[in-house]
């Protein structure tokens, strides 16, 4: 399988979509992980900076003997303002009794009462706000003693509020620098913050699902067309072709194969129909020969005998003579009708023996119309002949074409019997063809009968033999022409005959 053909494969494209989904998901997750890691690194660095600044400020306060707020005022820079959201408070706590000797938060600073006595807060006071204590083992054991109710943690989470206690040995004894860190934005655990990293992945999944859905829809839609086409072919319709045969994937190859199969089935059906017609023609030929041999001779004898009875053996009584004349004429008409049916059999089954000559169809059509003028007037049918432009002569057999058009005209007149109407015969030339249309306003032909009207022995008339239109089609075929019919029940029927006249130039 070549590379282009492999690329157009549905399986290949589906695999590429899945691989694209995989790499896109991994890429987005990698990028999000890198962004989150950087954010956490920035957070940790900020916390480290806050801790360093707090320890430095507390150490400077202890060594200088000044309060921390005095040191901040002197440098015009507040640790609480600089580390907003990180440093909640910074305290210096004496180890011996837990007294708070200094605090950035003014609520916990030592103060002088009106009596002149100094008032101190203690780390054990519940109103002193502290968060979970980061337990450092032996180094912070003394501080845990000062505030037993403080909840310790050995696995702090970056960004969560917590308390650090750093022991420092001074001239006045052991003190603890207590740093209270607040909650940072990275520690926000709201639903939206939790789901936000998943949104890009969700978006990629939705886009990939949409792409896969479109691909699957493009793959399954032709399959539905194939199923519909198979049902139509099963019902005998070989004119259906499924779309999508131009595609280069598996579905396109399947559609092309299906259409080729339908065409072959259609050709096989045509060959089968032709074979049946040939078989019927052969059978009819044998039957016609037998009929002609076995019946025509007795019919001729009967016809001659009727003439002899009518002329030589007629009664002398005028009334009886008139009756015998009437009966013999009726018998001769029936004999003639039988001869006509035999002639139809022979005309349909015998090979064509055409006398092809240049023929003006105007004369042939006018001759055929003149044969039914009287009968048409009796049943109230108006006949018209229309000629659209000049029509060159065709190479044809005069008798065969006259019989053809006469048959079509008589059929049209019979379709209007008892209701009246109009019958129009038009002649025109187009695309190298002489085109004759015979249109009537009669009862029309049912749609279910249209495909069968040119078959031998098919007739919608109770007294018809079903050979008239079959003989007409045979005559058209013998002239390398075509015949088709259009009809609407109750609105009329139009037969269109096309005969080529270009071949006359080739023969000349």
Protein backbone atom coordinates (compact mmCIF):
# COMPACT_ATOMS: atom_id res chain seq x y z
CA UNK A 1 0.00 0.00 0.00
CA UNK A 2 1.54 3.32 -1.11
CA UNK A 3 1.95 6.22 1.25
CA UNK A 4 -0.84 8.40 -0.29
CA UNK A 5 -3.29 5.50 -0.22
CA UNK A 6 -2.29 4.71 3.37
CA UNK A 7 -2.91 8.34 4.34
CA UNK A 8 -6.43 8.29 2.87
CA UNK A 9 -7.28 5.17 4.90
CA UNK A 10 -9.99 5.75 7.49
CA UNK A 11 -8.09 3.65 10.03
CA UNK A 12 -4.95 5.73 9.49
CA UNK A 13 -6.81 8.99 9.91
CA UNK A 14 -8.56 7.75 13.04
CA UNK A 15 -5.20 6.64 14.45
CA UNK A 16 -3.72 10.05 13.64
CA UNK A 17 -6.58 11.74 15.47
CA UNK A 18 -5.97 9.56 18.53
CA UNK A 19 -2.22 10.26 18.40
CA UNK A 20 -2.87 13.98 18.05
CA UNK A 21 -5.17 13.77 21.06
CA UNK A 22 -2.50 11.94 23.06
CA UNK A 23 0.33 14.35 22.21
CA UNK A 24 -1.86 17.40 22.70
CA UNK A 25 -2.99 16.17 26.11
CA UNK A 26 0.57 15.34 27.18
CA UNK A 27 1.83 18.69 25.89
CA UNK A 28 -0.85 20.68 27.69
CA UNK A 29 -0.37 18.74 30.90
CA UNK A 30 3.40 19.24 30.69
CA UNK A 31 2.92 22.98 30.15
CA UNK A 32 0.44 23.27 33.00
CA UNK A 33 2.77 21.29 35.27
CA UNK A 34 5.64 23.63 34.40
CA UNK A 35 3.49 26.68 35.10
CA UNK A 36 2.28 25.28 38.41
CA UNK A 37 5.81 24.30 39.42
CA UNK A 38 7.03 27.80 38.65
CA UNK A 39 4.18 29.31 40.65
CA UNK A 40 4.98 27.09 43.60
CA UNK A 41 8.68 27.92 43.30
CA UNK A 42 7.83 31.63 43.36
CA UNK A 43 5.59 31.03 46.36
CA UNK A 44 8.28 29.13 48.26
CA UNK A 45 10.87 31.78 47.37
CA UNK A 46 8.54 34.47 48.68
CA UNK A 47 7.98 32.58 51.89
CA UNK A 48 11.69 32.07 52.32
CA UNK A 49 12.23 35.77 51.75
CA UNK A 50 9.56 36.58 54.34
CA UNK A 51 11.13 34.22 56.87
CA UNK A 52 14.59 35.65 56.27
CA UNK A 53 13.36 39.23 56.61
CA UNK A 54 11.44 38.35 59.77
CA UNK A 55 14.42 36.64 61.41
CA UNK A 56 16.69 39.54 60.46
CA UNK A 57 14.26 42.11 61.91
CA UNK A 58 13.74 40.13 65.13
CA UNK A 59 17.50 39.61 65.58
CA UNK A 60 18.15 43.31 65.05
CA UNK A 61 15.49 44.16 67.62
CA UNK A 62 17.01 41.77 70.20
CA UNK A 63 20.57 42.98 69.72
CA UNK A 64 19.74 46.68 69.56
CA UNK A 65 17.25 46.76 72.40
CA UNK A 66 14.69 48.57 70.23
CA UNK A 67 11.21 47.47 69.40
CA UNK A 68 10.63 46.12 65.91
CA UNK A 69 8.09 48.80 65.02
CA UNK A 70 10.73 51.43 65.88
CA UNK A 71 13.21 49.80 63.55
CA UNK A 72 10.60 49.68 60.74
CA UNK A 73 9.71 53.31 61.34
CA UNK A 74 13.36 54.29 61.11
CA UNK A 75 13.80 52.63 57.69
CA UNK A 76 10.37 53.73 56.41
CA UNK A 77 9.59 50.21 55.34
CA UNK A 78 7.02 47.89 56.97
CA UNK A 79 7.57 44.16 56.90
CA UNK A 80 3.84 43.64 57.11
CA UNK A 81 3.32 45.89 54.08
CA UNK A 82 6.23 44.46 52.08
CA UNK A 83 5.18 40.87 52.68
CA UNK A 84 1.44 41.54 52.53
CA UNK A 85 -0.49 38.29 52.62
CA UNK A 86 2.54 36.37 53.92
CA UNK A 87 3.59 37.83 57.33
CA UNK A 88 0.64 38.07 59.71
CA UNK A 89 2.72 38.83 62.78
CA UNK A 90 6.25 38.63 64.13
CA UNK A 91 6.78 38.06 67.88
CA UNK A 92 9.71 37.73 70.30
CA UNK A 93 8.76 35.34 73.12
CA UNK A 94 10.76 34.66 76.27
CA UNK A 95 11.35 30.99 76.91
CA UNK A 96 11.12 31.11 80.72
CA UNK A 97 7.44 32.15 80.98
CA UNK A 98 6.20 32.75 77.40
CA UNK A 99 6.03 36.53 77.78
CA UNK A 100 5.76 38.44 74.51
CA UNK A 101 8.54 41.01 74.64
CA UNK A 102 7.98 42.43 71.15
CA UNK A 103 5.34 42.17 68.36
CA UNK A 104 4.82 43.74 64.97
CA UNK A 105 1.07 43.59 65.63
CA UNK A 106 0.35 46.51 68.00
CA UNK A 107 -2.39 44.52 69.73
CA UNK A 108 0.22 42.28 71.41
CA UNK A 109 3.04 44.75 72.16
CA UNK A 110 4.11 45.48 75.76
CA UNK A 111 2.38 48.57 77.08
CA UNK A 112 2.68 50.88 80.13
CA UNK A 113 -0.38 51.20 82.31
CA UNK A 114 -1.56 54.44 83.98
CA UNK A 115 0.00 53.22 87.21
CA UNK A 116 3.35 53.16 85.47
CA UNK A 117 3.63 49.42 85.51
CA UNK A 118 4.51 47.45 82.36
CA UNK A 119 1.86 45.12 80.94
CA UNK A 120 2.83 42.10 78.86
CA UNK A 121 0.89 39.53 76.80
CA UNK A 122 1.78 35.87 76.94
CA UNK A 123 1.97 33.41 74.09
CA UNK A 124 -0.33 31.10 76.02
CA UNK A 125 -3.16 33.67 75.90
CA UNK A 126 -5.92 32.34 73.61
CA UNK A 127 -6.46 35.76 72.01
CA UNK A 128 -2.98 35.64 70.49
CA UNK A 129 -3.64 34.47 66.93
CA UNK A 130 -1.44 31.56 65.86
CA UNK A 131 -1.85 28.92 63.16
CA UNK A 132 -0.69 25.30 62.96
CA UNK A 133 2.75 25.05 64.48
CA UNK A 134 5.60 23.65 62.37
CA UNK A 135 7.17 21.12 64.70
CA UNK A 136 10.98 20.94 64.40
CA UNK A 137 11.54 18.35 67.10
CA UNK A 138 14.02 19.16 69.96
CA UNK A 139 14.58 22.71 68.71
CA UNK A 140 10.94 23.67 69.25
CA UNK A 141 10.08 21.43 72.21
CA UNK A 142 10.28 24.39 74.61
CA UNK A 143 7.87 26.45 72.56
CA UNK A 144 5.35 23.62 72.46
CA UNK A 145 5.45 23.72 76.27
CA UNK A 146 4.54 27.41 76.26
CA UNK A 147 1.43 26.86 74.06
CA UNK A 148 0.31 23.24 74.54
CA UNK A 149 -3.01 23.86 72.77
CA UNK A 150 -1.29 24.81 69.53
CA UNK A 151 -1.85 22.14 66.86
CA UNK A 152 1.52 20.89 65.55
CA UNK A 153 2.21 19.69 62.00
CA UNK A 154 5.22 17.81 60.69
CA UNK A 155 4.25 18.03 56.99
CA UNK A 156 3.42 21.65 56.21
CA UNK A 157 1.79 22.41 52.85
CA UNK A 158 3.19 25.28 50.83
CA UNK A 159 0.81 28.23 50.93
CA UNK A 160 -1.17 27.14 54.01
CA UNK A 161 -1.16 29.46 57.10
CA UNK A 162 1.24 28.23 59.79
CA UNK A 163 3.51 29.27 62.65
CA UNK A 164 7.31 28.98 62.90
CA UNK A 165 9.25 29.20 66.17
CA UNK A 166 13.02 29.81 65.88
CA UNK A 167 15.02 29.63 69.13
CA UNK A 168 17.75 32.28 69.71
CA UNK A 169 20.18 32.40 72.62
CA UNK A 170 20.63 35.97 73.92
CA UNK A 171 22.28 37.68 76.90
CA UNK A 172 18.86 37.66 78.60
CA UNK A 173 18.38 33.98 77.99
CA UNK A 174 16.61 31.84 75.39
CA UNK A 175 13.96 33.55 73.29
CA UNK A 176 11.81 32.41 70.40
CA UNK A 177 11.30 34.37 67.25
CA UNK A 178 7.71 33.44 66.29
CA UNK A 179 6.77 34.03 62.66
CA UNK A 180 3.07 33.76 61.74
CA UNK A 181 2.58 33.19 57.98
CA UNK A 182 -0.79 33.78 56.38
CA UNK A 183 -2.62 31.97 53.60
CA UNK A 184 -1.28 32.61 50.08
CA UNK A 185 -3.28 32.54 46.78
CA UNK A 186 -1.77 29.18 45.72
CA UNK A 187 -3.37 27.52 48.72
CA UNK A 188 -6.89 28.48 47.59
CA UNK A 189 -8.71 25.17 47.21
CA UNK A 190 -11.98 26.42 45.73
CA UNK A 191 -13.73 24.24 43.15
CA UNK A 192 -12.85 26.59 40.31
CA UNK A 193 -9.17 26.71 41.28
CA UNK A 194 -9.12 22.92 41.50
CA UNK A 195 -10.78 22.49 38.10
CA UNK A 196 -8.89 25.26 36.28
CA UNK A 197 -5.83 23.11 35.38
CA UNK A 198 -8.16 20.54 33.87
CA UNK A 199 -9.93 22.99 31.55
CA UNK A 200 -7.31 22.87 28.75
CA UNK A 201 -7.36 19.09 28.80
CA UNK A 202 -11.15 19.14 28.73
CA UNK A 203 -11.06 21.51 25.78
CA UNK A 204 -8.67 19.23 23.88
CA UNK A 205 -10.88 16.23 24.61
CA UNK A 206 -13.97 18.06 23.34
CA UNK A 207 -12.21 19.18 20.16
CA UNK A 208 -10.87 15.67 19.58
CA UNK A 209 -14.28 14.13 20.18
CA UNK A 210 -15.80 16.60 17.73
CA UNK A 211 -13.16 15.74 15.14
CA UNK A 212 -13.68 12.00 15.70
CA UNK A 213 -17.46 12.48 15.46
CA UNK A 214 -17.11 14.30 12.14
CA UNK A 215 -14.76 11.60 10.85
CA UNK A 216 -17.11 8.80 11.94
CA UNK A 217 -20.11 10.64 10.45
CA UNK A 218 -18.28 11.00 7.15
CA UNK A 219 -17.51 7.29 7.34
CA UNK A 220 -21.02 6.07 8.26
CA UNK A 221 -23.08 8.33 5.98
CA UNK A 222 -21.91 6.55 2.79
CA UNK A 223 -22.64 3.23 4.52
CA UNK A 224 -26.25 4.34 4.96
CA UNK A 225 -26.33 5.25 1.27
CA UNK A 226 -24.95 1.81 0.46
CA UNK A 227 -27.68 0.16 2.55
CA UNK A 228 -30.34 2.24 0.78
CA UNK A 229 -28.80 1.44 -2.59
CA UNK A 230 -28.74 -2.29 -1.79
CA UNK A 231 -32.46 -2.16 -0.98
CA UNK A 232 -33.20 -0.39 -4.27
CA UNK A 233 -31.10 -2.87 -6.23
CA UNK A 234 -32.88 -5.73 -4.45
CA UNK A 235 -36.19 -4.24 -5.62
CA UNK A 236 -34.93 -4.23 -9.23
CA UNK A 237 -33.76 -0.62 -9.62
CA UNK A 238 -30.36 -0.72 -11.35
CA UNK A 239 -30.24 3.01 -12.11
CA UNK A 240 -29.17 3.91 -8.57
CA UNK A 241 -25.58 4.96 -7.90
CA UNK A 242 -24.33 5.65 -4.40
CA UNK A 243 -22.40 8.91 -3.90
CA UNK A 244 -18.85 9.02 -2.57
CA UNK A 245 -17.15 6.90 -5.23
CA UNK A 246 -14.64 9.73 -5.79
CA UNK A 247 -13.32 9.39 -2.24
CA UNK A 248 -9.90 7.78 -1.85
CA UNK A 249 -10.49 5.86 1.38
CA UNK A 250 -12.08 2.47 2.03
CA UNK A 251 -15.59 3.89 1.73
CA UNK A 252 -14.79 5.39 -1.68
CA UNK A 253 -13.44 2.08 -2.96
CA UNK A 254 -16.50 0.29 -1.57
CA UNK A 255 -18.87 2.79 -3.24
CA UNK A 256 -17.02 2.50 -6.58
CA UNK A 257 -17.16 -1.31 -6.39
CA UNK A 258 -20.87 -1.18 -5.51
CA UNK A 259 -21.66 1.11 -8.46
CA UNK A 260 -19.68 -1.12 -10.80
CA UNK A 261 -21.58 -4.14 -9.49
CA UNK A 262 -24.93 -2.37 -10.06
CA UNK A 263 -23.92 -1.52 -13.64
CA UNK A 264 -22.96 -5.13 -14.29
CA UNK A 265 -26.24 -6.34 -12.81
CA UNK A 266 -28.08 -3.87 -15.02
CA UNK A 267 -26.27 -5.15 -18.11
CA UNK A 268 -27.02 -8.70 -17.05
CA UNK A 269 -30.68 -7.81 -16.63
CA UNK A 270 -30.72 -6.25 -20.12
CA UNK A 271 -29.07 -9.34 -21.59
CA UNK A 272 -31.54 -11.53 -19.75
CA UNK A 273 -34.43 -9.46 -21.10
CA UNK A 274 -33.02 -9.61 -24.61
CA UNK A 275 -32.55 -13.35 -24.29
CA UNK A 276 -36.14 -13.78 -23.15
CA UNK A 277 -37.35 -11.63 -26.02
CA UNK A 278 -35.27 -13.64 -28.47
CA UNK A 279 -36.64 -16.84 -26.98
CA UNK A 280 -40.18 -15.51 -27.23
CA UNK A 281 -39.54 -14.37 -30.80
CA UNK A 282 -38.28 -17.79 -31.75
CA UNK A 283 -41.30 -19.42 -30.16
CA UNK A 284 -43.63 -16.95 -31.82
CA UNK A 285 -41.89 -17.53 -35.14
CA UNK A 286 -42.50 -21.25 -34.94
CA UNK A 287 -46.08 -20.63 -33.84
CA UNK A 288 -46.65 -18.09 -36.60
CA UNK A 289 -45.29 -20.44 -39.25
CA UNK A 290 -47.55 -23.21 -38.02
CA UNK A 291 -50.55 -20.89 -37.96
CA UNK A 292 -49.80 -19.57 -41.42
CA UNK A 293 -49.48 -23.07 -42.78
CA UNK A 294 -52.43 -24.67 -40.98
CA UNK A 295 -54.95 -21.83 -41.00
CA UNK A 296 -54.41 -19.59 -43.99
CA UNK A 297 -55.18 -22.25 -46.57
CA UNK A 298 -58.57 -23.11 -45.00
CA UNK A 299 -59.27 -19.40 -44.57
CA UNK A 300 -58.63 -18.78 -48.26
CA UNK A 301 -60.97 -21.65 -49.12
CA UNK A 302 -63.63 -20.24 -46.76
CA UNK A 303 -63.22 -16.77 -48.26
CA UNK A 304 -63.64 -18.09 -51.83
CA UNK A 305 -66.61 -20.22 -50.82
CA UNK A 306 -68.31 -17.18 -49.25
CA UNK A 307 -67.84 -15.25 -52.48
CA UNK A 308 -69.36 -18.17 -54.43
CA UNK A 309 -72.33 -18.38 -52.06
CA UNK A 310 -72.89 -14.62 -52.22
CA UNK A 311 -72.82 -14.45 -56.05
CA UNK A 312 -73.88 -17.81 -57.43
CA UNK A 313 -76.12 -19.38 -54.80
CA UNK A 314 -77.93 -16.35 -53.49
CA UNK A 315 -81.72 -16.86 -52.98
CA UNK A 316 -84.14 -15.25 -55.41
CA UNK A 317 -86.11 -13.69 -52.57
CA UNK A 318 -84.83 -10.12 -52.12
CA UNK A 319 -85.09 -10.25 -48.32
CA UNK A 320 -83.25 -13.54 -48.08
CA UNK A 321 -80.71 -12.33 -50.64
CA UNK A 322 -80.05 -9.25 -48.47
CA UNK A 323 -79.68 -11.41 -45.37
CA UNK A 324 -77.26 -13.79 -47.10
CA UNK A 325 -75.27 -10.77 -48.37
CA UNK A 326 -75.03 -9.36 -44.86
CA UNK A 327 -73.99 -12.64 -43.25
CA UNK A 328 -71.39 -13.48 -45.87
CA UNK A 329 -69.85 -10.03 -45.56
CA UNK A 330 -69.65 -10.44 -41.79
CA UNK A 331 -67.98 -13.82 -42.22
CA UNK A 332 -65.50 -12.37 -44.72
CA UNK A 333 -64.70 -9.56 -42.21
CA UNK A 334 -63.96 -12.13 -39.52
CA UNK A 335 -61.78 -14.09 -41.95
CA UNK A 336 -59.93 -10.84 -42.75
CA UNK A 337 -59.45 -10.16 -39.02
CA UNK A 338 -57.92 -13.61 -38.56
CA UNK A 339 -55.62 -12.96 -41.50
CA UNK A 340 -54.60 -9.65 -39.92
CA UNK A 341 -53.63 -11.37 -36.65
CA UNK A 342 -51.60 -13.93 -38.58
CA UNK A 343 -49.87 -11.10 -40.45
CA UNK A 344 -48.99 -9.43 -37.12
CA UNK A 345 -47.43 -12.67 -35.88
CA UNK A 346 -45.39 -13.03 -39.03
CA UNK A 347 -44.34 -9.36 -39.09
CA UNK A 348 -43.04 -9.53 -35.51
CA UNK A 349 -41.20 -12.84 -35.84
CA UNK A 350 -39.71 -12.73 -39.32
CA UNK A 351 -36.35 -11.06 -39.94
CA UNK A 352 -36.53 -7.56 -41.35
CA UNK A 353 -36.33 -7.16 -45.10
CA UNK A 354 -36.30 -3.38 -45.39
CA UNK A 355 -36.25 -1.42 -48.61
CA UNK A 356 -34.25 1.57 -47.39
CA UNK A 357 -34.63 4.72 -49.47
CA UNK A 358 -34.50 8.48 -48.80
CA UNK A 359 -37.85 9.22 -47.24
CA UNK A 360 -39.65 12.48 -46.46
CA UNK A 361 -41.39 11.92 -43.13
CA UNK A 362 -43.89 14.71 -43.82
CA UNK A 363 -45.60 12.66 -46.52
CA UNK A 364 -45.49 9.49 -44.42
CA UNK A 365 -47.06 11.22 -41.39
CA UNK A 366 -49.73 12.99 -43.44
CA UNK A 367 -50.57 9.68 -45.15
CA UNK A 368 -50.91 7.97 -41.76
CA UNK A 369 -53.17 10.77 -40.45
CA UNK A 370 -55.39 10.68 -43.53
CA UNK A 371 -56.23 7.04 -42.85
CA UNK A 372 -58.07 7.87 -39.61
CA UNK A 373 -59.65 11.22 -40.58
CA UNK A 374 -63.14 9.81 -41.06
CA UNK A 375 -63.10 7.63 -37.93
CA UNK A 376 -61.64 10.52 -35.86
CA UNK A 377 -64.45 12.83 -36.95
CA UNK A 378 -67.05 10.22 -36.00
CA UNK A 379 -65.78 9.93 -32.40
CA UNK A 380 -65.11 13.65 -31.92
CA UNK A 381 -61.29 13.66 -32.10
CA UNK A 382 -59.51 16.67 -33.60
CA UNK A 383 -56.26 15.86 -35.47
CA UNK A 384 -53.38 18.28 -36.10
CA UNK A 385 -50.01 18.07 -37.86
CA UNK A 386 -47.21 20.41 -36.76
CA UNK A 387 -43.84 20.90 -38.43
CA UNK A 388 -41.08 22.71 -36.55
CA UNK A 389 -38.44 23.77 -39.03
CA UNK A 390 -36.92 21.93 -41.95
CA UNK A 391 -36.33 18.20 -41.49
CA UNK A 392 -33.93 16.39 -43.84
CA UNK A 393 -35.02 13.08 -45.37
CA UNK A 394 -34.25 9.89 -43.47
CA UNK A 395 -33.13 6.57 -44.89
CA UNK A 396 -36.05 4.26 -44.17
CA UNK A 397 -38.57 1.74 -45.36
CA UNK A 398 -41.77 3.56 -46.36
CA UNK A 399 -44.18 0.75 -45.48
CA UNK A 400 -42.51 -0.07 -42.17
CA UNK A 401 -42.51 3.57 -41.01
CA UNK A 402 -46.05 4.18 -42.24
CA UNK A 403 -47.21 1.11 -40.32
CA UNK A 404 -45.28 2.33 -37.27
CA UNK A 405 -46.86 5.80 -37.20
CA UNK A 406 -50.29 4.48 -38.14
CA UNK A 407 -50.15 2.12 -35.16
CA UNK A 408 -49.25 4.96 -32.77
CA UNK A 409 -51.95 7.26 -34.21
CA UNK A 410 -54.64 4.56 -33.99
CA UNK A 411 -53.65 3.80 -30.39
CA UNK A 412 -53.97 7.50 -29.52
CA UNK A 413 -57.39 7.70 -31.18
CA UNK A 414 -58.62 4.62 -29.31
CA UNK A 415 -57.48 6.19 -26.02
CA UNK A 416 -59.91 9.09 -26.65
CA UNK A 417 -62.84 6.97 -27.85
CA UNK A 418 -66.03 7.92 -26.02
CA UNK A 419 -64.57 11.15 -24.56
CA UNK A 420 -63.26 13.13 -27.52
CA UNK A 421 -60.10 15.21 -27.49
CA UNK A 422 -57.24 16.15 -29.74
CA UNK A 423 -54.43 14.18 -31.37
CA UNK A 424 -51.29 16.07 -32.42
CA UNK A 425 -48.47 14.76 -34.62
CA UNK A 426 -45.37 16.97 -34.64
CA UNK A 427 -42.15 16.70 -36.67
CA UNK A 428 -38.82 18.37 -35.85
CA UNK A 429 -35.07 17.89 -36.24
CA UNK A 430 -32.53 18.08 -33.42
CA UNK A 431 -28.98 16.77 -32.85
CA UNK A 432 -28.92 14.76 -36.08
CA UNK A 433 -32.28 13.11 -35.39
CA UNK A 434 -35.71 13.35 -36.95
CA UNK A 435 -38.09 13.55 -33.97
CA UNK A 436 -41.78 12.60 -34.27
CA UNK A 437 -44.18 13.12 -31.37
CA UNK A 438 -47.65 11.59 -31.28
CA UNK A 439 -49.64 13.17 -28.44
CA UNK A 440 -53.21 12.51 -27.37
CA UNK A 441 -55.46 13.78 -24.58
CA UNK A 442 -56.88 10.36 -23.77
CA UNK A 443 -57.13 8.25 -20.63
CA UNK A 444 -53.36 7.84 -20.26
CA UNK A 445 -51.39 4.81 -19.09
CA UNK A 446 -50.85 3.77 -15.47
CA UNK A 447 -47.30 4.20 -14.21
CA UNK A 448 -47.03 0.51 -13.39
CA UNK A 449 -47.79 -0.41 -17.02
CA UNK A 450 -45.32 1.99 -18.69
CA UNK A 451 -42.23 -0.28 -18.42
CA UNK A 452 -44.13 -3.17 -20.07
CA UNK A 453 -46.00 -1.60 -22.98
CA UNK A 454 -43.35 -2.52 -25.56
CA UNK A 455 -43.23 -6.16 -24.44
CA UNK A 456 -44.92 -8.68 -26.73
CA UNK A 457 -48.36 -9.91 -25.61
CA UNK A 458 -48.77 -7.13 -23.07
CA UNK A 459 -51.96 -5.16 -23.64
CA UNK A 460 -54.32 -3.04 -21.57
CA UNK A 461 -57.15 -3.70 -24.05
CA UNK A 462 -59.45 -6.63 -23.57
CA UNK A 463 -59.37 -7.49 -27.28
CA UNK A 464 -55.74 -6.60 -28.02
CA UNK A 465 -53.01 -9.10 -28.90
CA UNK A 466 -50.22 -7.08 -27.31
CA UNK A 467 -48.14 -7.06 -30.51
CA UNK A 468 -48.89 -3.58 -31.87
CA UNK A 469 -46.37 -1.61 -29.83
CA UNK A 470 -43.90 -4.50 -29.86
CA UNK A 471 -43.97 -4.38 -33.69
CA UNK A 472 -43.61 -0.58 -33.55
CA UNK A 473 -40.52 -0.84 -31.34
CA UNK A 474 -39.05 -3.47 -33.63
CA UNK A 475 -39.51 -1.16 -36.61
CA UNK A 476 -37.80 1.68 -34.74
CA UNK A 477 -34.90 -0.56 -33.74
CA UNK A 478 -34.48 -1.71 -37.34
CA UNK A 479 -34.03 1.96 -38.32
CA UNK A 480 -31.39 2.51 -35.57
CA UNK A 481 -33.82 4.80 -33.77
CA UNK A 482 -35.41 4.99 -30.35
CA UNK A 483 -38.94 5.24 -28.96
CA UNK A 484 -40.11 6.38 -25.55
CA UNK A 485 -43.40 7.16 -23.90
CA UNK A 486 -44.62 9.71 -21.37
CA UNK A 487 -48.07 9.47 -19.85
CA UNK A 488 -50.24 10.68 -17.02
CA UNK A 489 -53.47 8.85 -16.18
CA UNK A 490 -56.41 11.03 -17.20
CA UNK A 491 -54.18 13.61 -18.97
CA UNK A 492 -52.97 11.82 -22.10
CA UNK A 493 -49.96 10.08 -23.61
CA UNK A 494 -47.03 11.16 -25.80
CA UNK A 495 -44.93 8.74 -27.89
CA UNK A 496 -41.60 10.14 -29.12
CA UNK A 497 -39.81 8.45 -32.03
CA UNK A 498 -36.28 9.52 -33.03
CA UNK A 499 -34.68 8.32 -36.28
CA UNK A 500 -31.18 9.40 -37.36
CA UNK A 501 -30.70 10.94 -40.79
CA UNK A 502 -26.93 11.57 -40.61
CA UNK A 503 -26.03 8.10 -41.85
CA UNK A 504 -27.37 9.03 -45.29
CA UNK A 505 -24.30 11.24 -45.74
CA UNK A 506 -21.99 8.35 -44.87
CA UNK A 507 -23.64 6.10 -47.42
CA UNK A 508 -23.67 8.80 -50.08
